[in-house]
Every structure is written in C-alpha cells, then in structure tokens.
Amino acid sequence: SWLASSSTSTPVGMPSRLQQIADARAADISVGAVAVSGGIVTMLLGAY
C-alpha cells in the first residue's frame, strides 16, 4: 500500500521515508553505474 502510487500526499517539504530510500538508493546505484560505464569508455579509448 505504501509503495503503490497514491493520492495521499506528504507534508509540504517533507519527503516520506520511502521517497528518501528511493532517492538515496538511486544515487548510490548511479555511482556504481558511472564507474562501470566510465571503465568501459576508458578501455575503448585505450583500444582506439
């Protein structure tokens, strides 16, 4: 129920706990994804 899209709104300026988890998790994943994609580009640059 909490995860589903809902008409229930959080207080203005106060993200919910799940929204904080989602944003922080995405930020952490993006760091790893940048490292992986950056590594691939680095190897391609070396080959070129």
All heavy atoms as atom14 arrays in JSON, in Angstrom:
{
  "sequence": "SWLASSSTSTPVGMPSRLQQIADARAADISVGAVAVSGGIVTMLLGAY",
  "atom14_mask": [
    [1, 1, 1, 1, 1, 1, 0, 0, 0, 0, 0, 0, 0, 0],
    [1, 1, 1, 1, 1, 1, 1, 1, 1, 1, 1, 1, 1, 1],
    [1, 1, 1, 1, 1, 1, 1, 1, 0, 0, 0, 0, 0, 0],
    [1, 1, 1, 1, 1, 0, 0, 0, 0, 0, 0, 0, 0, 0],
    [1, 1, 1, 1, 1, 1, 0, 0, 0, 0, 0, 0, 0, 0],
    [1, 1, 1, 1, 1, 1, 0, 0, 0, 0, 0, 0, 0, 0],
    [1, 1, 1, 1, 1, 1, 0, 0, 0, 0, 0, 0, 0, 0],
    [1, 1, 1, 1, 1, 1, 1, 0, 0, 0, 0, 0, 0, 0],
    [1, 1, 1, 1, 1, 1, 0, 0, 0, 0, 0, 0, 0, 0],
    [1, 1, 1, 1, 1, 1, 1, 0, 0, 0, 0, 0, 0, 0],
    [1, 1, 1, 1, 1, 1, 1, 0, 0, 0, 0, 0, 0, 0],
    [1, 1, 1, 1, 1, 1, 1, 0, 0, 0, 0, 0, 0, 0],
    [1, 1, 1, 1, 0, 0, 0, 0, 0, 0, 0, 0, 0, 0],
    [1, 1, 1, 1, 1, 1, 1, 1, 0, 0, 0, 0, 0, 0],
    [1, 1, 1, 1, 1, 1, 1, 0, 0, 0, 0, 0, 0, 0],
    [1, 1, 1, 1, 1, 1, 0, 0, 0, 0, 0, 0, 0, 0],
    [1, 1, 1, 1, 1, 1, 1, 1, 1, 1, 1, 0, 0, 0],
    [1, 1, 1, 1, 1, 1, 1, 1, 0, 0, 0, 0, 0, 0],
    [1, 1, 1, 1, 1, 1, 1, 1, 1, 0, 0, 0, 0, 0],
    [1, 1, 1, 1, 1, 1, 1, 1, 1, 0, 0, 0, 0, 0],
    [1, 1, 1, 1, 1, 1, 1, 1, 0, 0, 0, 0, 0, 0],
    [1, 1, 1, 1, 1, 0, 0, 0, 0, 0, 0, 0, 0, 0],
    [1, 1, 1, 1, 1, 1, 1, 1, 0, 0, 0, 0, 0, 0],
    [1, 1, 1, 1, 1, 0, 0, 0, 0, 0, 0, 0, 0, 0],
    [1, 1, 1, 1, 1, 1, 1, 1, 1, 1, 1, 0, 0, 0],
    [1, 1, 1, 1, 1, 0, 0, 0, 0, 0, 0, 0, 0, 0],
    [1, 1, 1, 1, 1, 0, 0, 0, 0, 0, 0, 0, 0, 0],
    [1, 1, 1, 1, 1, 1, 1, 1, 0, 0, 0, 0, 0, 0],
    [1, 1, 1, 1, 1, 1, 1, 1, 0, 0, 0, 0, 0, 0],
    [1, 1, 1, 1, 1, 1, 0, 0, 0, 0, 0, 0, 0, 0],
    [1, 1, 1, 1, 1, 1, 1, 0, 0, 0, 0, 0, 0, 0],
    [1, 1, 1, 1, 0, 0, 0, 0, 0, 0, 0, 0, 0, 0],
    [1, 1, 1, 1, 1, 0, 0, 0, 0, 0, 0, 0, 0, 0],
    [1, 1, 1, 1, 1, 1, 1, 0, 0, 0, 0, 0, 0, 0],
    [1, 1, 1, 1, 1, 0, 0, 0, 0, 0, 0, 0, 0, 0],
    [1, 1, 1, 1, 1, 1, 1, 0, 0, 0, 0, 0, 0, 0],
    [1, 1, 1, 1, 1, 1, 0, 0, 0, 0, 0, 0, 0, 0],
    [1, 1, 1, 1, 0, 0, 0, 0, 0, 0, 0, 0, 0, 0],
    [1, 1, 1, 1, 0, 0, 0, 0, 0, 0, 0, 0, 0, 0],
    [1, 1, 1, 1, 1, 1, 1, 1, 0, 0, 0, 0, 0, 0],
    [1, 1, 1, 1, 1, 1, 1, 0, 0, 0, 0, 0, 0, 0],
    [1, 1, 1, 1, 1, 1, 1, 0, 0, 0, 0, 0, 0, 0],
    [1, 1, 1, 1, 1, 1, 1, 1, 0, 0, 0, 0, 0, 0],
    [1, 1, 1, 1, 1, 1, 1, 1, 0, 0, 0, 0, 0, 0],
    [1, 1, 1, 1, 1, 1, 1, 1, 0, 0, 0, 0, 0, 0],
    [1, 1, 1, 1, 0, 0, 0, 0, 0, 0, 0, 0, 0, 0],
    [1, 1, 1, 1, 1, 0, 0, 0, 0, 0, 0, 0, 0, 0],
    [1, 1, 1, 1, 1, 1, 1, 1, 1, 1, 1, 1, 0, 0]
  ],
  "atom14_positions": [
    [[0.82, -1.2, 0.0], [0.0, 0.0, 0.0], [0.86, 1.25, 0.0], [0.57, 2.22, -0.72], [-0.93, 0.0, 1.22], [-1.7, 1.18, 1.25], [0.0, 0.0, 0.0], [0.0, 0.0, 0.0], [0.0, 0.0, 0.0], [0.0, 0.0, 0.0], [0.0, 0.0, 0.0], [0.0, 0.0, 0.0], [0.0, 0.0, 0.0], [0.0, 0.0, 0.0]],
    [[1.92, 1.25, 0.78], [2.82, 2.41, 0.82], [3.57, 2.57, -0.5], [3.84, 3.69, -0.94], [3.82, 2.26, 1.96], [3.31, 2.52, 3.34], [3.39, 1.68, 4.41], [2.67, 3.71, 3.83], [2.83, 2.24, 5.53], [2.39, 3.5, 5.21], [2.28, 4.91, 3.25], [1.75, 4.46, 6.0], [1.66, 5.87, 4.05], [1.4, 5.65, 5.39]],
    [[3.93, 1.45, -1.12], [4.72, 1.5, -2.35], [3.89, 1.92, -3.56], [4.43, 2.5, -4.51], [5.34, 0.13, -2.64], [6.5, -0.31, -1.74], [6.84, -1.76, -2.0], [7.72, 0.57, -1.96], [0.0, 0.0, 0.0], [0.0, 0.0, 0.0], [0.0, 0.0, 0.0], [0.0, 0.0, 0.0], [0.0, 0.0, 0.0], [0.0, 0.0, 0.0]],
    [[2.59, 1.63, -3.52], [1.74, 1.94, -4.67], [1.57, 3.43, -4.83], [1.67, 4.21, -3.88], [0.39, 1.26, -4.5], [0.0, 0.0, 0.0], [0.0, 0.0, 0.0], [0.0, 0.0, 0.0], [0.0, 0.0, 0.0], [0.0, 0.0, 0.0], [0.0, 0.0, 0.0], [0.0, 0.0, 0.0], [0.0, 0.0, 0.0], [0.0, 0.0, 0.0]],
    [[1.35, 3.85, -6.08], [1.04, 5.25, -6.33], [-0.24, 5.59, -5.58], [-1.23, 4.85, -5.64], [0.85, 5.5, -7.83], [2.04, 5.19, -8.52], [0.0, 0.0, 0.0], [0.0, 0.0, 0.0], [0.0, 0.0, 0.0], [0.0, 0.0, 0.0], [0.0, 0.0, 0.0], [0.0, 0.0, 0.0], [0.0, 0.0, 0.0], [0.0, 0.0, 0.0]],
    [[-0.24, 6.69, -4.88], [-1.36, 7.02, -4.01], [-1.68, 8.49, -4.1], [-0.82, 9.32, -4.39], [-1.04, 6.63, -2.57], [-2.03, 7.1, -1.68], [0.0, 0.0, 0.0], [0.0, 0.0, 0.0], [0.0, 0.0, 0.0], [0.0, 0.0, 0.0], [0.0, 0.0, 0.0], [0.0, 0.0, 0.0], [0.0, 0.0, 0.0], [0.0, 0.0, 0.0]],
    [[-2.92, 8.81, -3.84], [-3.32, 10.21, -3.79], [-2.93, 10.85, -2.48], [-3.0, 12.07, -2.32], [-4.84, 10.32, -3.99], [-5.53, 9.61, -2.98], [0.0, 0.0, 0.0], [0.0, 0.0, 0.0], [0.0, 0.0, 0.0], [0.0, 0.0, 0.0], [0.0, 0.0, 0.0], [0.0, 0.0, 0.0], [0.0, 0.0, 0.0], [0.0, 0.0, 0.0]],
    [[-2.52, 10.02, -1.52], [-2.09, 10.56, -0.24], [-0.82, 11.37, -0.43], [0.13, 10.92, -1.05], [-1.83, 9.41, 0.76], [-3.01, 8.63, 0.88], [-1.44, 9.98, 2.12], [0.0, 0.0, 0.0], [0.0, 0.0, 0.0], [0.0, 0.0, 0.0], [0.0, 0.0, 0.0], [0.0, 0.0, 0.0], [0.0, 0.0, 0.0], [0.0, 0.0, 0.0]],
    [[-0.8, 12.56, 0.1], [0.37, 13.42, -0.06], [1.1, 13.57, 1.26], [0.51, 13.48, 2.33], [-0.05, 14.81, -0.57], [-0.97, 15.41, 0.33], [0.0, 0.0, 0.0], [0.0, 0.0, 0.0], [0.0, 0.0, 0.0], [0.0, 0.0, 0.0], [0.0, 0.0, 0.0], [0.0, 0.0, 0.0], [0.0, 0.0, 0.0], [0.0, 0.0, 0.0]],
    [[2.39, 13.79, 1.16], [3.2, 14.01, 2.36], [3.17, 15.49, 2.7], [2.84, 16.33, 1.87], [4.65, 13.57, 2.12], [5.17, 14.31, 1.01], [4.73, 12.09, 1.82], [0.0, 0.0, 0.0], [0.0, 0.0, 0.0], [0.0, 0.0, 0.0], [0.0, 0.0, 0.0], [0.0, 0.0, 0.0], [0.0, 0.0, 0.0], [0.0, 0.0, 0.0]],
    [[3.52, 15.83, 3.93], [3.58, 17.24, 4.29], [4.51, 18.03, 3.37], [5.51, 17.49, 2.89], [4.12, 17.21, 5.72], [3.75, 15.85, 6.24], [3.82, 14.94, 5.06], [0.0, 0.0, 0.0], [0.0, 0.0, 0.0], [0.0, 0.0, 0.0], [0.0, 0.0, 0.0], [0.0, 0.0, 0.0], [0.0, 0.0, 0.0], [0.0, 0.0, 0.0]],
    [[4.18, 19.26, 3.1], [4.97, 20.09, 2.19], [6.42, 20.18, 2.68], [6.68, 20.49, 3.85], [4.36, 21.49, 2.09], [5.23, 22.38, 1.21], [2.94, 21.41, 1.54], [0.0, 0.0, 0.0], [0.0, 0.0, 0.0], [0.0, 0.0, 0.0], [0.0, 0.0, 0.0], [0.0, 0.0, 0.0], [0.0, 0.0, 0.0], [0.0, 0.0, 0.0]],
    [[7.35, 19.89, 1.78], [8.76, 20.0, 2.11], [9.32, 18.84, 2.91], [10.48, 18.87, 3.31], [0.0, 0.0, 0.0], [0.0, 0.0, 0.0], [0.0, 0.0, 0.0], [0.0, 0.0, 0.0], [0.0, 0.0, 0.0], [0.0, 0.0, 0.0], [0.0, 0.0, 0.0], [0.0, 0.0, 0.0], [0.0, 0.0, 0.0], [0.0, 0.0, 0.0]],
    [[8.52, 17.81, 3.14], [8.98, 16.67, 3.93], [8.79, 15.38, 3.15], [7.7, 14.84, 3.09], [8.21, 16.59, 5.25], [8.6, 15.4, 6.13], [10.33, 15.45, 6.64], [10.31, 16.9, 7.68], [0.0, 0.0, 0.0], [0.0, 0.0, 0.0], [0.0, 0.0, 0.0], [0.0, 0.0, 0.0], [0.0, 0.0, 0.0], [0.0, 0.0, 0.0]],
    [[9.83, 14.88, 2.48], [9.7, 13.61, 1.74], [9.46, 12.46, 2.7], [9.9, 12.48, 3.85], [11.06, 13.48, 1.04], [12.0, 14.27, 1.88], [11.2, 15.42, 2.42], [0.0, 0.0, 0.0], [0.0, 0.0, 0.0], [0.0, 0.0, 0.0], [0.0, 0.0, 0.0], [0.0, 0.0, 0.0], [0.0, 0.0, 0.0], [0.0, 0.0, 0.0]],
    [[8.74, 11.47, 2.21], [8.47, 10.3, 3.04], [9.74, 9.45, 3.18], [10.71, 9.62, 2.43], [7.35, 9.46, 2.43], [7.8, 8.83, 1.24], [0.0, 0.0, 0.0], [0.0, 0.0, 0.0], [0.0, 0.0, 0.0], [0.0, 0.0, 0.0], [0.0, 0.0, 0.0], [0.0, 0.0, 0.0], [0.0, 0.0, 0.0], [0.0, 0.0, 0.0]],
    [[9.69, 8.53, 4.11], [10.81, 7.62, 4.33], [11.1, 6.82, 3.05], [12.26, 6.67, 2.65], [10.48, 6.68, 5.48], [11.4, 5.48, 5.65], [12.8, 5.86, 6.01], [13.6, 4.68, 6.31], [14.91, 4.67, 6.39], [15.6, 5.79, 6.18], [15.56, 3.56, 6.68], [0.0, 0.0, 0.0], [0.0, 0.0, 0.0], [0.0, 0.0, 0.0]],
    [[10.07, 6.32, 2.39], [10.28, 5.54, 1.17], [10.85, 6.39, 0.05], [11.68, 5.93, -0.74], [8.97, 4.89, 0.72], [8.49, 3.68, 1.53], [7.14, 3.2, 1.03], [9.51, 2.55, 1.49], [0.0, 0.0, 0.0], [0.0, 0.0, 0.0], [0.0, 0.0, 0.0], [0.0, 0.0, 0.0], [0.0, 0.0, 0.0], [0.0, 0.0, 0.0]],
    [[10.43, 7.64, -0.05], [10.98, 8.53, -1.06], [12.46, 8.79, -0.79], [13.27, 8.84, -1.72], [10.2, 9.84, -1.07], [8.79, 9.71, -1.62], [7.94, 10.94, -1.39], [8.36, 11.89, -0.75], [6.72, 10.92, -1.91], [0.0, 0.0, 0.0], [0.0, 0.0, 0.0], [0.0, 0.0, 0.0], [0.0, 0.0, 0.0], [0.0, 0.0, 0.0]],
    [[12.82, 8.95, 0.48], [14.23, 9.13, 0.83], [15.04, 7.89, 0.48], [16.16, 8.0, -0.05], [14.35, 9.45, 2.32], [13.81, 10.81, 2.72], [13.88, 11.05, 4.22], [13.82, 10.11, 5.02], [13.99, 12.31, 4.61], [0.0, 0.0, 0.0], [0.0, 0.0, 0.0], [0.0, 0.0, 0.0], [0.0, 0.0, 0.0], [0.0, 0.0, 0.0]],
    [[14.5, 6.72, 0.76], [15.19, 5.47, 0.43], [15.38, 5.37, -1.09], [16.48, 5.03, -1.57], [14.41, 4.25, 0.95], [14.47, 4.19, 2.48], [14.97, 2.95, 0.36], [13.63, 3.07, 3.08], [0.0, 0.0, 0.0], [0.0, 0.0, 0.0], [0.0, 0.0, 0.0], [0.0, 0.0, 0.0], [0.0, 0.0, 0.0], [0.0, 0.0, 0.0]],
    [[14.33, 5.65, -1.84], [14.4, 5.55, -3.3], [15.45, 6.49, -3.87], [16.27, 6.09, -4.72], [13.03, 5.85, -3.91], [0.0, 0.0, 0.0], [0.0, 0.0, 0.0], [0.0, 0.0, 0.0], [0.0, 0.0, 0.0], [0.0, 0.0, 0.0], [0.0, 0.0, 0.0], [0.0, 0.0, 0.0], [0.0, 0.0, 0.0], [0.0, 0.0, 0.0]],
    [[15.46, 7.74, -3.42], [16.41, 8.72, -3.95], [17.85, 8.37, -3.57], [18.76, 8.47, -4.39], [16.06, 10.11, -3.44], [14.76, 10.63, -4.05], [14.34, 10.1, -5.09], [14.16, 11.56, -3.47], [0.0, 0.0, 0.0], [0.0, 0.0, 0.0], [0.0, 0.0, 0.0], [0.0, 0.0, 0.0], [0.0, 0.0, 0.0], [0.0, 0.0, 0.0]],
    [[18.06, 7.99, -2.3], [19.41, 7.64, -1.85], [19.91, 6.37, -2.54], [21.08, 6.28, -2.92], [19.42, 7.47, -0.33], [0.0, 0.0, 0.0], [0.0, 0.0, 0.0], [0.0, 0.0, 0.0], [0.0, 0.0, 0.0], [0.0, 0.0, 0.0], [0.0, 0.0, 0.0], [0.0, 0.0, 0.0], [0.0, 0.0, 0.0], [0.0, 0.0, 0.0]],
    [[19.02, 5.39, -2.69], [19.39, 4.15, -3.38], [19.77, 4.43, -4.82], [20.77, 3.9, -5.33], [18.22, 3.16, -3.32], [18.44, 1.85, -4.05], [17.25, 0.91, -3.83], [17.42, -0.34, -4.56], [17.01, -0.54, -5.8], [16.4, 0.45, -6.46], [17.2, -1.71, -6.39], [0.0, 0.0, 0.0], [0.0, 0.0, 0.0], [0.0, 0.0, 0.0]],
    [[19.0, 5.27, -5.5], [19.31, 5.62, -6.88], [20.63, 6.36, -6.99], [21.42, 6.13, -7.92], [18.18, 6.48, -7.47], [0.0, 0.0, 0.0], [0.0, 0.0, 0.0], [0.0, 0.0, 0.0], [0.0, 0.0, 0.0], [0.0, 0.0, 0.0], [0.0, 0.0, 0.0], [0.0, 0.0, 0.0], [0.0, 0.0, 0.0], [0.0, 0.0, 0.0]],
    [[20.91, 7.24, -6.03], [22.18, 7.96, -6.03], [23.35, 6.99, -5.88], [24.37, 7.11, -6.57], [22.2, 9.0, -4.92], [0.0, 0.0, 0.0], [0.0, 0.0, 0.0], [0.0, 0.0, 0.0], [0.0, 0.0, 0.0], [0.0, 0.0, 0.0], [0.0, 0.0, 0.0], [0.0, 0.0, 0.0], [0.0, 0.0, 0.0], [0.0, 0.0, 0.0]],
    [[23.2, 6.01, -4.98], [24.27, 5.02, -4.78], [24.44, 4.14, -6.02], [25.57, 3.83, -6.43], [23.95, 4.14, -3.57], [24.04, 4.9, -2.25], [24.59, 6.02, -2.25], [23.53, 4.39, -1.23], [0.0, 0.0, 0.0], [0.0, 0.0, 0.0], [0.0, 0.0, 0.0], [0.0, 0.0, 0.0], [0.0, 0.0, 0.0], [0.0, 0.0, 0.0]],
    [[23.33, 3.75, -6.64], [23.4, 2.94, -7.85], [24.05, 3.72, -8.98], [24.85, 3.18, -9.77], [21.99, 2.46, -8.26], [21.48, 1.42, -7.27], [22.01, 1.87, -9.68], [20.06, 0.96, -7.53], [0.0, 0.0, 0.0], [0.0, 0.0, 0.0], [0.0, 0.0, 0.0], [0.0, 0.0, 0.0], [0.0, 0.0, 0.0], [0.0, 0.0, 0.0]],
    [[23.74, 5.01, -9.07], [24.3, 5.82, -10.15], [25.82, 5.92, -10.05], [26.51, 5.96, -11.07], [23.68, 7.22, -10.15], [24.08, 7.96, -9.01], [0.0, 0.0, 0.0], [0.0, 0.0, 0.0], [0.0, 0.0, 0.0], [0.0, 0.0, 0.0], [0.0, 0.0, 0.0], [0.0, 0.0, 0.0], [0.0, 0.0, 0.0], [0.0, 0.0, 0.0]],
    [[26.35, 5.93, -8.83], [27.81, 5.96, -8.66], [28.44, 4.7, -9.24], [29.43, 4.76, -9.98], [28.18, 6.11, -7.17], [29.69, 5.98, -6.98], [27.71, 7.46, -6.63], [0.0, 0.0, 0.0], [0.0, 0.0, 0.0], [0.0, 0.0, 0.0], [0.0, 0.0, 0.0], [0.0, 0.0, 0.0], [0.0, 0.0, 0.0], [0.0, 0.0, 0.0]],
    [[27.84, 3.55, -8.92], [28.36, 2.31, -9.48], [28.21, 2.24, -10.98], [29.11, 1.77, -11.69], [0.0, 0.0, 0.0], [0.0, 0.0, 0.0], [0.0, 0.0, 0.0], [0.0, 0.0, 0.0], [0.0, 0.0, 0.0], [0.0, 0.0, 0.0], [0.0, 0.0, 0.0], [0.0, 0.0, 0.0], [0.0, 0.0, 0.0], [0.0, 0.0, 0.0]],
    [[27.08, 2.71, -11.49], [26.85, 2.69, -12.94], [27.82, 3.6, -13.67], [28.31, 3.25, -14.76], [25.41, 3.1, -13.23], [0.0, 0.0, 0.0], [0.0, 0.0, 0.0], [0.0, 0.0, 0.0], [0.0, 0.0, 0.0], [0.0, 0.0, 0.0], [0.0, 0.0, 0.0], [0.0, 0.0, 0.0], [0.0, 0.0, 0.0], [0.0, 0.0, 0.0]],
    [[28.12, 4.75, -13.09], [29.09, 5.66, -13.7], [30.47, 5.02, -13.72], [31.22, 5.14, -14.71], [29.12, 7.0, -12.94], [30.34, 7.82, -13.34], [27.85, 7.79, -13.22], [0.0, 0.0, 0.0], [0.0, 0.0, 0.0], [0.0, 0.0, 0.0], [0.0, 0.0, 0.0], [0.0, 0.0, 0.0], [0.0, 0.0, 0.0], [0.0, 0.0, 0.0]],
    [[30.84, 4.32, -12.64], [32.14, 3.65, -12.6], [32.23, 2.57, -13.68], [33.24, 2.45, -14.38], [32.39, 3.06, -11.22], [0.0, 0.0, 0.0], [0.0, 0.0, 0.0], [0.0, 0.0, 0.0], [0.0, 0.0, 0.0], [0.0, 0.0, 0.0], [0.0, 0.0, 0.0], [0.0, 0.0, 0.0], [0.0, 0.0, 0.0], [0.0, 0.0, 0.0]],
    [[31.17, 1.78, -13.82], [31.17, 0.71, -14.83], [31.24, 1.29, -16.24], [32.08, 0.89, -17.06], [29.92, -0.17, -14.69], [29.81, -1.13, -15.88], [29.97, -0.97, -13.4], [0.0, 0.0, 0.0], [0.0, 0.0, 0.0], [0.0, 0.0, 0.0], [0.0, 0.0, 0.0], [0.0, 0.0, 0.0], [0.0, 0.0, 0.0], [0.0, 0.0, 0.0]],
    [[30.36, 2.24, -16.55], [30.35, 2.83, -17.88], [31.63, 3.62, -18.16], [32.16, 3.6, -19.27], [29.13, 3.71, -18.07], [29.03, 4.68, -17.04], [0.0, 0.0, 0.0], [0.0, 0.0, 0.0], [0.0, 0.0, 0.0], [0.0, 0.0, 0.0], [0.0, 0.0, 0.0], [0.0, 0.0, 0.0], [0.0, 0.0, 0.0], [0.0, 0.0, 0.0]],
    [[32.15, 4.3, -17.13], [33.41, 5.01, -17.29], [34.56, 4.05, -17.56], [35.47, 4.36, -18.35], [0.0, 0.0, 0.0], [0.0, 0.0, 0.0], [0.0, 0.0, 0.0], [0.0, 0.0, 0.0], [0.0, 0.0, 0.0], [0.0, 0.0, 0.0], [0.0, 0.0, 0.0], [0.0, 0.0, 0.0], [0.0, 0.0, 0.0], [0.0, 0.0, 0.0]],
    [[34.54, 2.9, -16.91], [35.58, 1.9, -17.16], [35.52, 1.37, -18.58], [36.56, 1.16, -19.22], [0.0, 0.0, 0.0], [0.0, 0.0, 0.0], [0.0, 0.0, 0.0], [0.0, 0.0, 0.0], [0.0, 0.0, 0.0], [0.0, 0.0, 0.0], [0.0, 0.0, 0.0], [0.0, 0.0, 0.0], [0.0, 0.0, 0.0], [0.0, 0.0, 0.0]],
    [[34.31, 1.14, -19.07], [34.16, 0.66, -20.45], [34.68, 1.69, -21.45], [35.39, 1.36, -22.4], [32.68, 0.32, -20.73], [32.24, -0.87, -19.88], [32.47, 0.02, -22.21], [30.76, -1.18, -19.95], [0.0, 0.0, 0.0], [0.0, 0.0, 0.0], [0.0, 0.0, 0.0], [0.0, 0.0, 0.0], [0.0, 0.0, 0.0], [0.0, 0.0, 0.0]],
    [[34.33, 2.95, -21.21], [34.81, 4.02, -22.1], [36.33, 4.12, -22.05], [36.99, 4.33, -23.07], [34.16, 5.37, -21.73], [34.83, 6.52, -22.48], [32.67, 5.35, -22.03], [0.0, 0.0, 0.0], [0.0, 0.0, 0.0], [0.0, 0.0, 0.0], [0.0, 0.0, 0.0], [0.0, 0.0, 0.0], [0.0, 0.0, 0.0], [0.0, 0.0, 0.0]],
    [[36.9, 3.96, -20.86], [38.36, 4.01, -20.72], [39.03, 2.89, -21.53], [40.04, 3.13, -22.21], [38.75, 3.88, -19.24], [38.16, 4.95, -18.5], [40.27, 3.93, -19.06], [0.0, 0.0, 0.0], [0.0, 0.0, 0.0], [0.0, 0.0, 0.0], [0.0, 0.0, 0.0], [0.0, 0.0, 0.0], [0.0, 0.0, 0.0], [0.0, 0.0, 0.0]],
    [[38.47, 1.7, -21.48], [39.03, 0.59, -22.26], [38.89, 0.84, -23.76], [39.8, 0.54, -24.54], [38.37, -0.72, -21.86], [38.75, -1.2, -20.46], [38.13, -2.85, -20.05], [36.4, -2.48, -19.71], [0.0, 0.0, 0.0], [0.0, 0.0, 0.0], [0.0, 0.0, 0.0], [0.0, 0.0, 0.0], [0.0, 0.0, 0.0], [0.0, 0.0, 0.0]],
    [[37.74, 1.4, -24.16], [37.55, 1.72, -25.58], [38.54, 2.79, -26.04], [39.07, 2.73, -27.16], [36.12, 2.21, -25.81], [35.02, 1.15, -25.69], [33.65, 1.81, -25.82], [35.19, 0.07, -26.76], [0.0, 0.0, 0.0], [0.0, 0.0, 0.0], [0.0, 0.0, 0.0], [0.0, 0.0, 0.0], [0.0, 0.0, 0.0], [0.0, 0.0, 0.0]],
    [[38.79, 3.77, -25.17], [39.75, 4.81, -25.5], [41.15, 4.21, -25.7], [41.87, 4.57, -26.63], [39.79, 5.86, -24.39], [40.85, 6.97, -24.54], [40.64, 7.73, -25.84], [40.81, 7.9, -23.33], [0.0, 0.0, 0.0], [0.0, 0.0, 0.0], [0.0, 0.0, 0.0], [0.0, 0.0, 0.0], [0.0, 0.0, 0.0], [0.0, 0.0, 0.0]],
    [[41.52, 3.28, -24.81], [42.82, 2.63, -24.96], [42.93, 1.86, -26.26], [43.96, 1.92, -26.95], [0.0, 0.0, 0.0], [0.0, 0.0, 0.0], [0.0, 0.0, 0.0], [0.0, 0.0, 0.0], [0.0, 0.0, 0.0], [0.0, 0.0, 0.0], [0.0, 0.0, 0.0], [0.0, 0.0, 0.0], [0.0, 0.0, 0.0], [0.0, 0.0, 0.0]],
    [[41.85, 1.17, -26.63], [41.87, 0.41, -27.87], [41.95, 1.35, -29.08], [42.71, 1.1, -30.02], [40.61, -0.45, -27.96], [0.0, 0.0, 0.0], [0.0, 0.0, 0.0], [0.0, 0.0, 0.0], [0.0, 0.0, 0.0], [0.0, 0.0, 0.0], [0.0, 0.0, 0.0], [0.0, 0.0, 0.0], [0.0, 0.0, 0.0], [0.0, 0.0, 0.0]],
    [[41.19, 2.43, -29.06], [41.21, 3.39, -30.17], [42.59, 4.02, -30.31], [43.12, 4.16, -31.42], [40.15, 4.46, -29.92], [40.0, 5.45, -31.06], [39.13, 5.21, -32.1], [40.75, 6.63, -31.08], [38.99, 6.1, -33.15], [40.62, 7.54, -32.12], [39.74, 7.27, -33.15], [39.62, 8.17, -34.19], [0.0, 0.0, 0.0], [0.0, 0.0, 0.0]]
  ]
}
